[in-house]
N, C-alpha and C. Protein backbone atom coordinates (compact mmCIF):
# COMPACT_ATOMS: atom_id res chain seq x y z
N MET A 1 0.84 -1.19 0.00
CA MET A 1 0.00 0.00 0.00
C MET A 1 0.88 1.25 0.00
N GLN A 2 0.52 2.21 -0.86
CA GLN A 2 1.31 3.42 -0.97
C GLN A 2 1.15 4.29 0.28
N THR A 3 2.27 4.80 0.78
CA THR A 3 2.23 5.68 1.93
C THR A 3 1.66 7.03 1.52
N PRO A 4 0.63 7.52 2.21
CA PRO A 4 0.04 8.80 1.82
C PRO A 4 0.99 9.95 2.09
N ALA A 5 0.88 11.01 1.27
CA ALA A 5 1.70 12.20 1.48
C ALA A 5 1.27 12.87 2.77
N PRO A 6 2.23 13.50 3.48
CA PRO A 6 1.88 14.15 4.73
C PRO A 6 0.92 15.31 4.52
N GLN A 7 0.03 15.50 5.47
CA GLN A 7 -0.87 16.63 5.42
C GLN A 7 -0.12 17.87 5.87
N THR A 8 -0.34 18.96 5.16
CA THR A 8 0.33 20.20 5.51
C THR A 8 -0.67 21.19 6.07
N THR A 9 -0.16 22.07 6.91
CA THR A 9 -0.97 23.14 7.47
C THR A 9 -0.34 24.45 7.08
N PRO A 10 -1.07 25.57 7.18
CA PRO A 10 -0.53 26.85 6.74
C PRO A 10 0.79 27.24 7.41
N GLY A 11 1.10 26.71 8.58
CA GLY A 11 2.35 27.06 9.25
C GLY A 11 3.56 26.26 8.81
N ASP A 12 3.34 25.19 8.02
CA ASP A 12 4.45 24.36 7.57
C ASP A 12 5.33 25.10 6.58
N SER A 13 6.65 24.86 6.66
CA SER A 13 7.58 25.42 5.68
C SER A 13 8.01 24.30 4.74
N PHE A 14 7.86 24.53 3.47
CA PHE A 14 8.29 23.56 2.47
C PHE A 14 9.80 23.57 2.29
N LEU A 15 10.45 24.65 2.69
CA LEU A 15 11.84 24.91 2.34
C LEU A 15 12.76 24.82 3.55
N ASP A 16 13.96 24.31 3.31
CA ASP A 16 14.96 24.20 4.37
C ASP A 16 15.82 25.47 4.35
N LEU A 17 15.27 26.54 4.93
CA LEU A 17 15.98 27.81 4.94
C LEU A 17 17.18 27.80 5.87
N ASP A 18 17.16 26.95 6.90
CA ASP A 18 18.32 26.86 7.79
C ASP A 18 19.55 26.38 7.03
N SER A 19 19.38 25.32 6.23
CA SER A 19 20.50 24.83 5.42
C SER A 19 20.92 25.87 4.37
N PHE A 20 19.94 26.56 3.83
CA PHE A 20 20.24 27.62 2.85
C PHE A 20 21.10 28.70 3.48
N ARG A 21 20.73 29.13 4.68
CA ARG A 21 21.48 30.21 5.33
C ARG A 21 22.89 29.78 5.71
N SER A 22 23.07 28.51 6.06
CA SER A 22 24.37 28.05 6.56
C SER A 22 25.35 27.71 5.44
N ARG A 23 24.85 27.50 4.23
CA ARG A 23 25.76 27.11 3.14
C ARG A 23 26.31 28.36 2.47
N PRO A 24 27.63 28.49 2.33
CA PRO A 24 28.21 29.68 1.70
C PRO A 24 28.05 29.66 0.19
N LEU A 25 28.10 30.83 -0.39
CA LEU A 25 28.12 30.93 -1.84
C LEU A 25 29.47 30.46 -2.38
N GLU A 26 29.43 29.83 -3.54
CA GLU A 26 30.64 29.60 -4.31
C GLU A 26 30.88 30.85 -5.16
N ARG A 27 32.11 31.30 -5.22
CA ARG A 27 32.41 32.58 -5.88
C ARG A 27 32.98 32.43 -7.28
N THR A 28 33.37 31.21 -7.65
CA THR A 28 34.01 30.98 -8.94
C THR A 28 33.13 30.12 -9.84
N PRO A 29 32.91 30.50 -11.08
CA PRO A 29 33.34 31.72 -11.75
C PRO A 29 32.43 32.92 -11.51
N PHE A 30 31.30 32.67 -10.83
CA PHE A 30 30.37 33.73 -10.41
C PHE A 30 29.63 33.21 -9.18
N ASP A 31 28.98 34.11 -8.48
CA ASP A 31 28.32 33.74 -7.23
C ASP A 31 27.18 32.76 -7.49
N HIS A 32 27.26 31.57 -6.86
CA HIS A 32 26.21 30.58 -7.03
C HIS A 32 26.20 29.63 -5.84
N MET A 33 25.12 28.89 -5.72
CA MET A 33 24.97 27.88 -4.67
C MET A 33 24.15 26.71 -5.20
N ILE A 34 24.57 25.51 -4.86
CA ILE A 34 23.82 24.29 -5.15
C ILE A 34 23.45 23.66 -3.82
N LEU A 35 22.16 23.41 -3.62
CA LEU A 35 21.69 22.89 -2.33
C LEU A 35 20.69 21.76 -2.57
N PRO A 36 21.10 20.50 -2.41
CA PRO A 36 20.14 19.39 -2.48
C PRO A 36 19.13 19.48 -1.34
N GLN A 37 17.92 19.00 -1.59
CA GLN A 37 16.86 18.93 -0.59
C GLN A 37 16.51 20.28 0.01
N PHE A 38 16.62 21.34 -0.81
CA PHE A 38 16.08 22.64 -0.39
C PHE A 38 14.57 22.51 -0.19
N LEU A 39 13.92 21.78 -1.07
CA LEU A 39 12.53 21.37 -0.84
C LEU A 39 12.56 20.17 0.08
N ARG A 40 11.94 20.29 1.24
CA ARG A 40 12.01 19.23 2.25
C ARG A 40 11.44 17.93 1.68
N PRO A 41 12.15 16.81 1.89
CA PRO A 41 11.74 15.53 1.29
C PRO A 41 10.33 15.09 1.66
N GLU A 42 9.88 15.40 2.87
CA GLU A 42 8.54 14.93 3.28
C GLU A 42 7.42 15.57 2.48
N PHE A 43 7.71 16.69 1.79
CA PHE A 43 6.68 17.35 1.00
C PHE A 43 6.77 17.04 -0.49
N VAL A 44 7.79 16.29 -0.88
CA VAL A 44 8.00 16.01 -2.30
C VAL A 44 6.79 15.31 -2.95
N PRO A 45 6.21 14.25 -2.34
CA PRO A 45 5.09 13.59 -3.02
C PRO A 45 3.91 14.52 -3.30
N ALA A 46 3.53 15.33 -2.31
CA ALA A 46 2.38 16.21 -2.50
C ALA A 46 2.68 17.31 -3.51
N VAL A 47 3.88 17.88 -3.45
CA VAL A 47 4.24 18.93 -4.39
C VAL A 47 4.31 18.37 -5.81
N SER A 48 4.93 17.21 -5.97
CA SER A 48 5.05 16.61 -7.30
C SER A 48 3.68 16.26 -7.88
N ALA A 49 2.78 15.78 -7.04
CA ALA A 49 1.44 15.42 -7.51
C ALA A 49 0.66 16.65 -7.98
N ASP A 50 0.97 17.80 -7.41
CA ASP A 50 0.25 19.03 -7.74
C ASP A 50 0.94 19.87 -8.80
N PHE A 51 2.08 19.40 -9.33
CA PHE A 51 2.74 20.13 -10.41
C PHE A 51 1.80 20.14 -11.62
N PRO A 52 1.64 21.29 -12.27
CA PRO A 52 0.69 21.36 -13.39
C PRO A 52 1.12 20.50 -14.58
N LYS A 53 0.17 20.09 -15.34
CA LYS A 53 0.45 19.29 -16.53
C LYS A 53 0.99 20.20 -17.62
N ILE A 54 2.22 19.97 -18.03
CA ILE A 54 2.86 20.73 -19.10
C ILE A 54 3.34 19.74 -20.15
N THR A 55 2.79 19.82 -21.34
CA THR A 55 3.10 18.84 -22.38
C THR A 55 3.92 19.43 -23.51
N LYS A 56 4.30 20.70 -23.40
CA LYS A 56 5.07 21.36 -24.45
C LYS A 56 6.34 21.94 -23.86
N GLY A 57 7.33 22.18 -24.71
CA GLY A 57 8.55 22.81 -24.28
C GLY A 57 8.35 24.29 -24.02
N GLY A 58 9.33 24.90 -23.38
CA GLY A 58 9.28 26.32 -23.11
C GLY A 58 8.95 26.63 -21.67
N SER A 59 8.92 27.93 -21.38
CA SER A 59 8.73 28.43 -20.03
C SER A 59 7.37 29.09 -19.93
N PHE A 60 6.62 28.78 -18.86
CA PHE A 60 5.26 29.29 -18.68
C PHE A 60 5.13 30.02 -17.35
N PRO A 61 4.50 31.20 -17.34
CA PRO A 61 4.24 31.87 -16.06
C PRO A 61 3.34 31.00 -15.19
N ALA A 62 3.69 30.85 -13.93
CA ALA A 62 2.92 29.99 -13.04
C ALA A 62 1.43 30.37 -13.00
N PRO A 63 1.07 31.68 -12.99
CA PRO A 63 -0.37 32.01 -12.93
C PRO A 63 -1.17 31.55 -14.14
N SER A 64 -0.50 31.23 -15.25
CA SER A 64 -1.21 30.80 -16.45
C SER A 64 -1.52 29.31 -16.46
N LEU A 65 -1.07 28.59 -15.42
CA LEU A 65 -1.20 27.14 -15.38
C LEU A 65 -2.12 26.70 -14.25
N ASN A 66 -2.64 25.51 -14.37
CA ASN A 66 -3.55 24.95 -13.37
C ASN A 66 -2.74 24.19 -12.32
N CYS A 67 -2.26 24.91 -11.31
CA CYS A 67 -1.45 24.31 -10.25
C CYS A 67 -2.34 23.81 -9.12
N GLY A 68 -2.01 22.66 -8.56
CA GLY A 68 -2.75 22.12 -7.43
C GLY A 68 -2.50 22.94 -6.17
N PRO A 69 -3.31 22.72 -5.12
CA PRO A 69 -3.23 23.57 -3.92
C PRO A 69 -1.90 23.49 -3.18
N THR A 70 -1.33 22.30 -3.05
CA THR A 70 -0.05 22.19 -2.34
C THR A 70 1.05 22.88 -3.12
N PHE A 71 1.07 22.69 -4.42
CA PHE A 71 2.08 23.35 -5.25
C PHE A 71 1.91 24.87 -5.20
N THR A 72 0.66 25.33 -5.19
CA THR A 72 0.39 26.76 -5.10
C THR A 72 0.93 27.34 -3.80
N ARG A 73 0.79 26.60 -2.72
CA ARG A 73 1.31 27.07 -1.43
C ARG A 73 2.83 27.13 -1.44
N LEU A 74 3.47 26.19 -2.12
CA LEU A 74 4.92 26.25 -2.26
C LEU A 74 5.33 27.53 -3.00
N LEU A 75 4.64 27.84 -4.09
CA LEU A 75 4.96 29.05 -4.84
C LEU A 75 4.75 30.30 -4.00
N GLU A 76 3.72 30.30 -3.17
CA GLU A 76 3.47 31.44 -2.27
C GLU A 76 4.63 31.60 -1.28
N GLU A 77 5.12 30.48 -0.75
CA GLU A 77 6.24 30.58 0.19
C GLU A 77 7.50 31.07 -0.52
N LEU A 78 7.74 30.61 -1.74
CA LEU A 78 8.93 31.05 -2.47
C LEU A 78 8.94 32.56 -2.69
N GLN A 79 7.76 33.16 -2.75
CA GLN A 79 7.68 34.60 -2.97
C GLN A 79 7.36 35.38 -1.70
N SER A 80 7.57 34.74 -0.57
CA SER A 80 7.26 35.35 0.72
C SER A 80 8.38 36.29 1.17
N PRO A 81 8.08 37.22 2.08
CA PRO A 81 9.13 38.10 2.62
C PRO A 81 10.28 37.33 3.27
N ALA A 82 9.99 36.22 3.93
CA ALA A 82 11.04 35.45 4.61
C ALA A 82 12.05 34.91 3.61
N VAL A 83 11.57 34.39 2.49
CA VAL A 83 12.48 33.85 1.47
C VAL A 83 13.25 34.98 0.80
N THR A 84 12.58 36.07 0.49
CA THR A 84 13.28 37.21 -0.09
C THR A 84 14.38 37.72 0.84
N ALA A 85 14.08 37.78 2.14
CA ALA A 85 15.08 38.23 3.10
C ALA A 85 16.28 37.29 3.14
N ALA A 86 16.03 35.99 3.06
CA ALA A 86 17.12 35.01 3.09
C ALA A 86 18.02 35.15 1.87
N PHE A 87 17.42 35.35 0.70
CA PHE A 87 18.22 35.51 -0.52
C PHE A 87 18.94 36.85 -0.53
N ALA A 88 18.30 37.89 -0.02
CA ALA A 88 18.95 39.20 0.06
C ALA A 88 20.19 39.13 0.94
N GLU A 89 20.08 38.44 2.07
CA GLU A 89 21.22 38.29 2.96
C GLU A 89 22.32 37.45 2.31
N LYS A 90 21.93 36.37 1.66
CA LYS A 90 22.91 35.47 1.06
C LYS A 90 23.74 36.19 -0.01
N PHE A 91 23.08 36.96 -0.85
CA PHE A 91 23.77 37.63 -1.95
C PHE A 91 24.20 39.06 -1.60
N ASP A 92 23.95 39.45 -0.34
CA ASP A 92 24.31 40.80 0.10
C ASP A 92 23.75 41.84 -0.88
N MET A 93 22.44 41.73 -1.12
CA MET A 93 21.77 42.58 -2.11
C MET A 93 20.46 43.09 -1.50
N ASP A 94 20.20 44.36 -1.68
CA ASP A 94 18.94 44.94 -1.20
C ASP A 94 17.83 44.59 -2.20
N LEU A 95 16.92 43.74 -1.77
CA LEU A 95 15.81 43.33 -2.64
C LEU A 95 14.50 44.03 -2.26
N THR A 96 14.58 45.06 -1.45
CA THR A 96 13.39 45.80 -1.04
C THR A 96 12.67 46.35 -2.26
N GLY A 97 11.41 46.00 -2.39
CA GLY A 97 10.60 46.51 -3.49
C GLY A 97 10.85 45.83 -4.82
N ARG A 98 11.74 44.87 -4.87
CA ARG A 98 12.00 44.18 -6.13
C ARG A 98 10.93 43.12 -6.37
N PRO A 99 10.27 43.14 -7.51
CA PRO A 99 9.22 42.14 -7.78
C PRO A 99 9.81 40.77 -8.07
N THR A 100 9.00 39.75 -7.87
CA THR A 100 9.40 38.39 -8.19
C THR A 100 8.55 37.85 -9.34
N MET A 101 9.11 36.92 -10.06
CA MET A 101 8.40 36.24 -11.15
C MET A 101 8.72 34.76 -11.07
N VAL A 102 7.69 33.93 -11.21
CA VAL A 102 7.87 32.48 -11.21
C VAL A 102 7.41 31.92 -12.54
N THR A 103 8.29 31.16 -13.19
CA THR A 103 7.93 30.44 -14.41
C THR A 103 8.22 28.96 -14.21
N LEU A 104 7.52 28.13 -14.96
CA LEU A 104 7.64 26.68 -14.83
C LEU A 104 7.98 26.06 -16.17
N ARG A 105 8.76 24.98 -16.09
CA ARG A 105 9.05 24.17 -17.27
C ARG A 105 8.69 22.72 -16.96
N GLY A 106 8.18 22.04 -17.98
CA GLY A 106 7.81 20.65 -17.80
C GLY A 106 8.47 19.71 -18.79
N MET A 107 8.85 20.24 -19.95
CA MET A 107 9.44 19.42 -20.99
C MET A 107 10.67 20.11 -21.56
N SER A 108 11.68 19.31 -21.90
CA SER A 108 12.89 19.82 -22.51
C SER A 108 12.95 19.40 -23.97
N ARG A 109 13.41 20.33 -24.80
CA ARG A 109 13.54 20.08 -26.23
C ARG A 109 15.01 19.98 -26.62
N GLU A 110 15.25 19.50 -27.81
CA GLU A 110 16.62 19.36 -28.31
C GLU A 110 17.37 20.69 -28.25
N LYS A 111 16.67 21.78 -28.54
CA LYS A 111 17.33 23.09 -28.61
C LYS A 111 17.55 23.73 -27.24
N ASP A 112 16.94 23.20 -26.20
CA ASP A 112 17.06 23.81 -24.88
C ASP A 112 18.43 23.54 -24.27
N GLY A 113 18.84 24.43 -23.38
CA GLY A 113 20.08 24.25 -22.66
C GLY A 113 21.30 24.88 -23.29
N ARG A 114 21.12 25.60 -24.39
CA ARG A 114 22.27 26.26 -25.01
C ARG A 114 22.88 27.27 -24.04
N ILE A 115 24.19 27.44 -24.12
CA ILE A 115 24.90 28.32 -23.20
C ILE A 115 24.36 29.74 -23.31
N HIS A 116 24.09 30.33 -22.15
CA HIS A 116 23.56 31.69 -22.11
C HIS A 116 23.77 32.29 -20.73
N THR A 117 23.51 33.58 -20.63
CA THR A 117 23.37 34.25 -19.34
C THR A 117 21.94 34.77 -19.25
N ASP A 118 21.44 34.93 -18.04
CA ASP A 118 20.11 35.50 -17.88
C ASP A 118 20.14 37.00 -18.12
N SER A 119 19.00 37.56 -18.48
CA SER A 119 18.95 38.96 -18.89
C SER A 119 19.32 39.90 -17.76
N ARG A 120 19.73 41.11 -18.13
CA ARG A 120 20.12 42.11 -17.15
C ARG A 120 18.95 42.59 -16.30
N SER A 121 17.74 42.30 -16.74
CA SER A 121 16.56 42.69 -15.96
C SER A 121 16.35 41.77 -14.75
N LYS A 122 17.11 40.69 -14.68
CA LYS A 122 17.03 39.75 -13.56
C LYS A 122 18.21 39.97 -12.62
N LEU A 123 17.92 40.00 -11.33
CA LEU A 123 18.97 40.19 -10.33
C LEU A 123 19.50 38.87 -9.79
N ILE A 124 18.59 37.98 -9.44
CA ILE A 124 18.92 36.65 -8.91
C ILE A 124 18.01 35.63 -9.58
N THR A 125 18.57 34.51 -9.94
CA THR A 125 17.80 33.37 -10.43
C THR A 125 17.88 32.24 -9.42
N ALA A 126 16.75 31.61 -9.15
CA ALA A 126 16.70 30.41 -8.32
C ALA A 126 15.94 29.34 -9.08
N LEU A 127 16.56 28.20 -9.25
CA LEU A 127 15.96 27.05 -9.94
C LEU A 127 15.77 25.93 -8.95
N ILE A 128 14.56 25.38 -8.89
CA ILE A 128 14.27 24.22 -8.05
C ILE A 128 13.76 23.12 -8.97
N TYR A 129 14.41 21.97 -8.89
CA TYR A 129 14.09 20.87 -9.80
C TYR A 129 13.13 19.89 -9.15
N LEU A 130 12.30 19.26 -9.99
CA LEU A 130 11.26 18.35 -9.50
C LEU A 130 11.22 17.09 -10.35
N ASN A 131 12.36 16.42 -10.45
CA ASN A 131 12.46 15.17 -11.20
C ASN A 131 13.02 14.08 -10.29
N SER A 132 12.63 12.85 -10.56
CA SER A 132 13.17 11.73 -9.79
C SER A 132 14.63 11.51 -10.17
N ASP A 133 15.20 10.39 -9.72
CA ASP A 133 16.62 10.12 -9.99
C ASP A 133 16.94 10.36 -11.46
N TRP A 134 18.02 11.09 -11.71
CA TRP A 134 18.36 11.53 -13.06
C TRP A 134 19.58 10.76 -13.56
N ASP A 135 19.35 9.86 -14.52
CA ASP A 135 20.42 9.03 -15.06
C ASP A 135 20.96 9.54 -16.38
N ALA A 136 20.21 10.41 -17.04
CA ALA A 136 20.62 10.88 -18.36
C ALA A 136 21.85 11.77 -18.29
N ASP A 137 22.66 11.71 -19.33
CA ASP A 137 23.83 12.58 -19.43
C ASP A 137 23.41 14.01 -19.73
N GLY A 138 22.39 14.17 -20.57
CA GLY A 138 21.87 15.50 -20.89
C GLY A 138 20.99 16.04 -19.78
N GLY A 139 20.71 17.33 -19.85
CA GLY A 139 19.79 17.96 -18.91
C GLY A 139 20.39 18.33 -17.57
N ARG A 140 21.69 18.12 -17.38
CA ARG A 140 22.37 18.46 -16.12
C ARG A 140 22.98 19.86 -16.28
N LEU A 141 22.40 20.81 -15.58
CA LEU A 141 22.85 22.19 -15.77
C LEU A 141 24.28 22.36 -15.28
N ARG A 142 25.08 23.05 -16.09
CA ARG A 142 26.49 23.26 -15.77
C ARG A 142 26.79 24.73 -15.53
N ILE A 143 27.58 24.98 -14.49
CA ILE A 143 28.11 26.31 -14.21
C ILE A 143 29.39 26.45 -15.00
N LEU A 144 29.40 27.38 -15.95
CA LEU A 144 30.45 27.42 -16.97
C LEU A 144 31.42 28.59 -16.76
N ARG A 145 32.64 28.36 -17.21
CA ARG A 145 33.67 29.40 -17.15
C ARG A 145 33.65 30.31 -18.37
N SER A 146 33.04 29.85 -19.46
CA SER A 146 33.14 30.59 -20.71
C SER A 146 31.85 30.43 -21.51
N PRO A 147 31.67 31.28 -22.54
CA PRO A 147 30.42 31.25 -23.30
C PRO A 147 30.38 30.27 -24.45
N ASP A 148 31.44 29.50 -24.66
CA ASP A 148 31.50 28.70 -25.88
C ASP A 148 32.01 27.28 -25.70
N ASP A 149 32.03 26.80 -24.45
CA ASP A 149 32.50 25.43 -24.23
C ASP A 149 31.70 24.78 -23.11
N ILE A 150 30.77 23.89 -23.45
CA ILE A 150 29.92 23.23 -22.47
C ILE A 150 30.72 22.30 -21.55
N GLU A 151 31.93 21.93 -21.97
CA GLU A 151 32.77 21.05 -21.16
C GLU A 151 33.65 21.81 -20.16
N ASP A 152 33.66 23.13 -20.27
CA ASP A 152 34.50 23.94 -19.38
C ASP A 152 33.66 24.41 -18.20
N TYR A 153 33.39 23.48 -17.27
CA TYR A 153 32.47 23.79 -16.17
C TYR A 153 33.11 23.52 -14.81
N VAL A 154 32.59 24.21 -13.80
CA VAL A 154 33.08 24.03 -12.44
C VAL A 154 32.14 23.18 -11.60
N ALA A 155 30.89 23.07 -12.03
CA ALA A 155 29.91 22.26 -11.29
C ALA A 155 28.80 21.83 -12.24
N GLU A 156 28.20 20.69 -11.93
CA GLU A 156 27.11 20.13 -12.72
C GLU A 156 25.98 19.77 -11.78
N VAL A 157 24.75 20.12 -12.16
CA VAL A 157 23.61 19.95 -11.27
C VAL A 157 22.60 18.98 -11.88
N PRO A 158 22.52 17.75 -11.38
CA PRO A 158 21.43 16.87 -11.82
C PRO A 158 20.10 17.48 -11.38
N PRO A 159 19.10 17.51 -12.26
CA PRO A 159 17.84 18.18 -11.92
C PRO A 159 16.91 17.32 -11.07
N GLN A 160 17.43 16.84 -9.93
CA GLN A 160 16.68 15.94 -9.07
C GLN A 160 15.76 16.70 -8.12
N THR A 161 14.69 16.05 -7.74
CA THR A 161 13.66 16.70 -6.94
C THR A 161 14.23 17.32 -5.68
N GLY A 162 13.88 18.59 -5.48
CA GLY A 162 14.26 19.31 -4.27
C GLY A 162 15.54 20.08 -4.37
N THR A 163 16.35 19.85 -5.42
CA THR A 163 17.64 20.52 -5.54
C THR A 163 17.45 21.97 -5.98
N LEU A 164 18.17 22.86 -5.30
CA LEU A 164 18.19 24.28 -5.63
C LEU A 164 19.51 24.64 -6.30
N LEU A 165 19.43 25.38 -7.38
CA LEU A 165 20.57 26.10 -7.92
C LEU A 165 20.18 27.56 -7.96
N THR A 166 20.98 28.41 -7.34
CA THR A 166 20.72 29.84 -7.38
C THR A 166 22.00 30.57 -7.72
N PHE A 167 21.87 31.70 -8.43
CA PHE A 167 23.05 32.45 -8.81
C PHE A 167 22.70 33.92 -9.03
N ARG A 168 23.74 34.74 -8.88
CA ARG A 168 23.62 36.16 -9.18
C ARG A 168 23.67 36.34 -10.69
N CYS A 169 22.76 37.12 -11.24
CA CYS A 169 22.69 37.32 -12.69
C CYS A 169 23.69 38.40 -13.09
N THR A 170 24.82 37.97 -13.61
CA THR A 170 25.88 38.87 -14.04
C THR A 170 26.22 38.57 -15.49
N GLU A 171 27.06 39.43 -16.07
CA GLU A 171 27.38 39.27 -17.49
C GLU A 171 28.22 38.05 -17.77
N ASN A 172 28.84 37.47 -16.73
CA ASN A 172 29.65 36.26 -16.94
C ASN A 172 29.02 35.01 -16.33
N ALA A 173 27.73 35.08 -15.98
CA ALA A 173 27.06 33.94 -15.35
C ALA A 173 26.58 32.95 -16.42
N TYR A 174 27.54 32.35 -17.11
CA TYR A 174 27.22 31.42 -18.20
C TYR A 174 26.79 30.08 -17.63
N HIS A 175 25.74 29.54 -18.21
CA HIS A 175 25.26 28.22 -17.80
C HIS A 175 24.53 27.58 -18.98
N GLY A 176 24.41 26.27 -18.91
CA GLY A 176 23.74 25.52 -19.96
C GLY A 176 23.83 24.03 -19.68
N HIS A 177 23.23 23.24 -20.54
CA HIS A 177 23.31 21.79 -20.36
C HIS A 177 23.31 21.09 -21.71
N LYS A 178 23.81 19.87 -21.73
CA LYS A 178 23.75 19.06 -22.93
C LYS A 178 22.28 18.76 -23.27
N PRO A 179 21.99 18.52 -24.53
CA PRO A 179 20.60 18.33 -24.93
C PRO A 179 19.93 17.15 -24.22
N PHE A 180 18.66 17.34 -23.93
CA PHE A 180 17.81 16.28 -23.39
C PHE A 180 16.41 16.51 -23.93
N VAL A 181 15.76 15.46 -24.39
CA VAL A 181 14.39 15.54 -24.89
C VAL A 181 13.49 14.70 -23.99
N GLY A 182 12.51 15.32 -23.40
CA GLY A 182 11.58 14.60 -22.53
C GLY A 182 11.21 15.43 -21.32
N GLN A 183 10.62 14.78 -20.34
CA GLN A 183 10.15 15.49 -19.15
C GLN A 183 11.34 15.98 -18.31
N ARG A 184 11.33 17.24 -18.00
CA ARG A 184 12.35 17.86 -17.14
C ARG A 184 11.67 19.03 -16.43
N ARG A 185 11.22 18.81 -15.22
CA ARG A 185 10.37 19.77 -14.52
C ARG A 185 11.20 20.68 -13.61
N SER A 186 10.88 21.95 -13.65
CA SER A 186 11.59 22.91 -12.81
C SER A 186 10.73 24.12 -12.51
N ILE A 187 11.06 24.75 -11.39
CA ILE A 187 10.52 26.05 -11.00
C ILE A 187 11.64 27.06 -11.15
N GLN A 188 11.36 28.17 -11.80
CA GLN A 188 12.34 29.26 -11.86
C GLN A 188 11.76 30.48 -11.18
N LEU A 189 12.46 30.96 -10.16
CA LEU A 189 12.10 32.16 -9.42
C LEU A 189 13.14 33.22 -9.70
N ASN A 190 12.67 34.40 -10.10
CA ASN A 190 13.58 35.52 -10.34
C ASN A 190 13.16 36.75 -9.55
N TRP A 191 14.15 37.45 -9.02
CA TRP A 191 13.94 38.80 -8.53
C TRP A 191 14.34 39.74 -9.66
N LEU A 192 13.43 40.67 -10.00
CA LEU A 192 13.60 41.54 -11.16
C LEU A 192 13.92 42.97 -10.72
N VAL A 193 14.38 43.77 -11.67
CA VAL A 193 14.83 45.12 -11.32
C VAL A 193 13.67 46.04 -10.96
N ASP A 194 12.49 45.87 -11.62
CA ASP A 194 11.38 46.77 -11.33
C ASP A 194 10.07 46.19 -11.85
N ASP A 195 8.97 46.86 -11.52
CA ASP A 195 7.64 46.39 -11.93
C ASP A 195 7.44 46.45 -13.43
N ALA A 196 8.03 47.43 -14.08
CA ALA A 196 7.90 47.52 -15.54
C ALA A 196 8.49 46.29 -16.20
N THR A 197 9.61 45.82 -15.66
CA THR A 197 10.23 44.60 -16.20
C THR A 197 9.32 43.41 -15.99
N LEU A 198 8.70 43.32 -14.80
CA LEU A 198 7.77 42.22 -14.53
C LEU A 198 6.63 42.21 -15.54
N LYS A 199 6.03 43.36 -15.79
CA LYS A 199 4.91 43.43 -16.75
C LYS A 199 5.37 43.03 -18.14
N ARG A 200 6.55 43.48 -18.52
CA ARG A 200 7.06 43.15 -19.84
C ARG A 200 7.35 41.65 -19.97
N GLU A 201 7.96 41.07 -18.92
CA GLU A 201 8.27 39.64 -18.96
C GLU A 201 7.01 38.79 -18.98
N LEU A 202 6.03 39.16 -18.16
CA LEU A 202 4.78 38.38 -18.13
C LEU A 202 4.05 38.49 -19.46
N SER A 203 4.09 39.67 -20.07
CA SER A 203 3.46 39.83 -21.38
C SER A 203 4.14 38.97 -22.41
N ARG A 204 5.47 38.96 -22.39
CA ARG A 204 6.22 38.15 -23.35
C ARG A 204 5.95 36.66 -23.17
N HIS A 205 6.02 36.20 -21.93
CA HIS A 205 5.76 34.79 -21.65
C HIS A 205 4.30 34.44 -21.94
N GLY A 206 3.41 35.37 -21.65
CA GLY A 206 2.00 35.11 -21.88
C GLY A 206 1.69 34.90 -23.34
N MET A 207 2.25 35.74 -24.20
CA MET A 207 2.06 35.56 -25.63
C MET A 207 2.66 34.25 -26.10
N SER A 208 3.82 33.92 -25.58
CA SER A 208 4.45 32.65 -25.95
C SER A 208 3.56 31.48 -25.55
N ALA A 209 3.03 31.54 -24.32
CA ALA A 209 2.16 30.46 -23.85
C ALA A 209 0.92 30.35 -24.70
N PHE A 210 0.37 31.49 -25.14
CA PHE A 210 -0.83 31.48 -25.96
C PHE A 210 -0.60 30.73 -27.27
N PHE A 211 0.50 31.06 -27.94
CA PHE A 211 0.77 30.41 -29.22
C PHE A 211 1.14 28.94 -29.05
N LYS A 212 1.77 28.59 -27.92
CA LYS A 212 2.09 27.19 -27.67
C LYS A 212 0.81 26.37 -27.51
N LYS A 213 -0.22 26.97 -26.93
CA LYS A 213 -1.49 26.26 -26.78
C LYS A 213 -2.11 25.92 -28.13
N LEU A 214 -1.80 26.73 -29.13
CA LEU A 214 -2.34 26.48 -30.46
C LEU A 214 -1.52 25.48 -31.25
N SER A 215 -0.30 25.23 -30.79
CA SER A 215 0.60 24.33 -31.53
C SER A 215 0.30 22.89 -31.20
N ARG A 216 0.89 21.98 -31.95
CA ARG A 216 0.67 20.56 -31.72
C ARG A 216 1.36 20.12 -30.43
N PRO A 217 0.94 19.00 -29.83
CA PRO A 217 1.55 18.53 -28.59
C PRO A 217 3.03 18.27 -28.73
N PHE A 218 3.73 18.36 -27.61
CA PHE A 218 5.17 18.12 -27.57
C PHE A 218 5.50 16.72 -28.06
N SER A 219 6.54 16.60 -28.86
CA SER A 219 7.06 15.30 -29.25
C SER A 219 8.55 15.43 -29.46
N SER A 220 9.21 14.32 -29.60
CA SER A 220 10.67 14.35 -29.78
C SER A 220 11.07 15.01 -31.08
N GLN A 221 10.10 15.28 -31.97
CA GLN A 221 10.41 15.92 -33.23
C GLN A 221 10.35 17.44 -33.15
N ASN A 222 9.81 17.99 -32.03
CA ASN A 222 9.73 19.44 -31.90
C ASN A 222 11.11 20.06 -31.87
N SER A 223 11.27 21.22 -32.49
CA SER A 223 12.55 21.90 -32.50
C SER A 223 12.64 22.90 -31.37
């Protein structure tokens, strides 16, 4: 008989902020941190069960998707003052008044994972992965030293459930992964420079999501 997921109450914390606070940033080649089990293991079954159904590649704003109640509560905690304060302290950055944006991914395409840096409109990126044991060579995000060599990396992050990767968005914050086609679920939380950026990003993602709904279902042939 399957063990039922634990019942949660409004006072429960999904996140291990104590471990987050105690782990130092890695400074090379840019400020970043990798933290397994940032999402507490006892909440993984309920959160995973409530992850929205995403059958296409690309990034979707969380409000545009049908998220279950436990997953919705996790997203609320991620955007709470307590979490913002913890990240502000970790990165020694004033995040007062900085808006947050959450986007979700459910499927990876052949073209995904190319080396890039996040836009200048983003201050901090936090990625939380929601996949079971990851055996594939592709899909493991790499912290890179340069913009043109996927093998020149200082760390590699299997996208396993509960793992956090967070980094300061700078001009040299290169990252990417080898190609992987199939289910690869993640939450991306960003602190942005201002509300105008938030509106622009949500508009851009919203239009993308609209056209994806009109396209054919995800398959290994999608580009």
